[in-house]
């Protein structure tokens, strides 16, 4: 797959397509990067939090709308899983190819520019390094950087350490940062419910504290 020809052709299509906005373009480039990392496989799996981080999209509604738009407009083929324990599938049509070019595999015709296998391997290694935390201290630092107490970080670490860093005890965690972020969101939701319940009893207290503030 000649990635230079592909990107050139893709940008030509993007420039002419008035339906696209900057969010569509950012999302497409994030998906292209993930496709690149998988060595331009015919089908690859995505993690929503990871793609949102790459594309700088902060809204789940915007993410899903733009993914569906790119699918409907033939820029990608998107198969959502609708299951929190399974990743969604994406395939990328190849643009700017010649008749003799091999589609969606690692073989290319003579004279094409190749993506360096060395660079790809480095990218894959770097991603693998972030899949699981090195130790409890790394988790605590991540939680503190997000204004969460070390106690919550220890609960998160002990929970997933005890079940082999698997979601639901079955699916291997691909990105522990995303899993930790979900943990914080759920903890926030539980806390909000708890605070509402306390307010009914005129007890306006909160269990969440910022341990980074001086006494």
Foldseek 3Di string as FASTA:
>chain_A
DQVVLQVVQVVVVVVPDPVDDLLLVLLLVLVVVVCVLVVQAQKDFDDVVSSCVSSVPDDPVVVVVSVVVCCVVQQKPWACDPDPQGTTMIGGFGPRDDPPADPRDNDGDPPGDHDDPVVSVVVVVVQVCQQDDPDLVVQQVLCLVVQFHSVLSVVVCVVCVVLVCAVVSPHHGSGVSVVVVVSVVVVVVVQVVVQVVCVVVVNRDGPTDRPVDDD
